[in-house]
Structure formats: C-alpha cells, structure tokens
Amino acid sequence: MPQLTTTPHDQVAITIWHSRTSRFSTWNLSDPMEKVFTFFIPAEATHDPELVLEEAFETFNIGQTALARDYFSRRLRTLSVGDVVAIGESAWACDSVGWRLLRQATTEG
C-alpha cells in the first residue's frame, strides 16, 4: 500500500489511484495503477473511512469545491470502479456498489 507521505502531525494523506486498463471493472491486483492525486485531511476526519470514501467519490465525480477544481484542472478523469483511494496506509477499491478494503499493496505500473 502507498506509504504515508510526510505531513503535519495532525494530517493524513488521501491518495487517488487510477486503474490504467480496467476502468469500470472490478479492481484486480494485476491491474496497472497510476497515482494521480494526493491531498491531506485532518486525522480526526479519518475515523469513518466510509464517509471519507463517499466524499472522495462525490468530489472527484461532481464536486464543485476548490479541491475538485484542482483535481479536474489537471485534466484527470472521474473516480470510477476499479480505481483506488488510499487513506493513509489503508487502500480501498471502488466497486460497482461501495468500497472494498484491499489486502495487497497498490503500486504504480
């Protein structure tokens, strides 16, 4: 799983990984992934991973916040099934319904 990026003590890195081959297909360990975006949130906001994941999905699909504008200004596509969101060192795959905690590392390839 992605290593926690150096941050202020009270911040946690949230990293978006895009699948390079399986857009709209369930995540698979053999899928090549690309780390596309990292931002930081207060550590206390990570106590409910489902909430963090749902907010990330909304932000990187239809979001109108400054964070969403920054993401889309980089010409990144929307967050989709098969993509991964890492909350610190825990990684979650976006499934067709909900999220799945990954047991294997996500690496670029």
Foldseek 3Di string as FASTA:
>chain_A
DDAWDDDPPFKTKKWKKDFPPDFQDAADQPTAIDTQDIDIDGNVVCPPVQVVVVVQQCLQAPNDDPVSVVSCVVVDHGQGARMWIDTRPWIWGDHPPGIDTDPDDHDHD
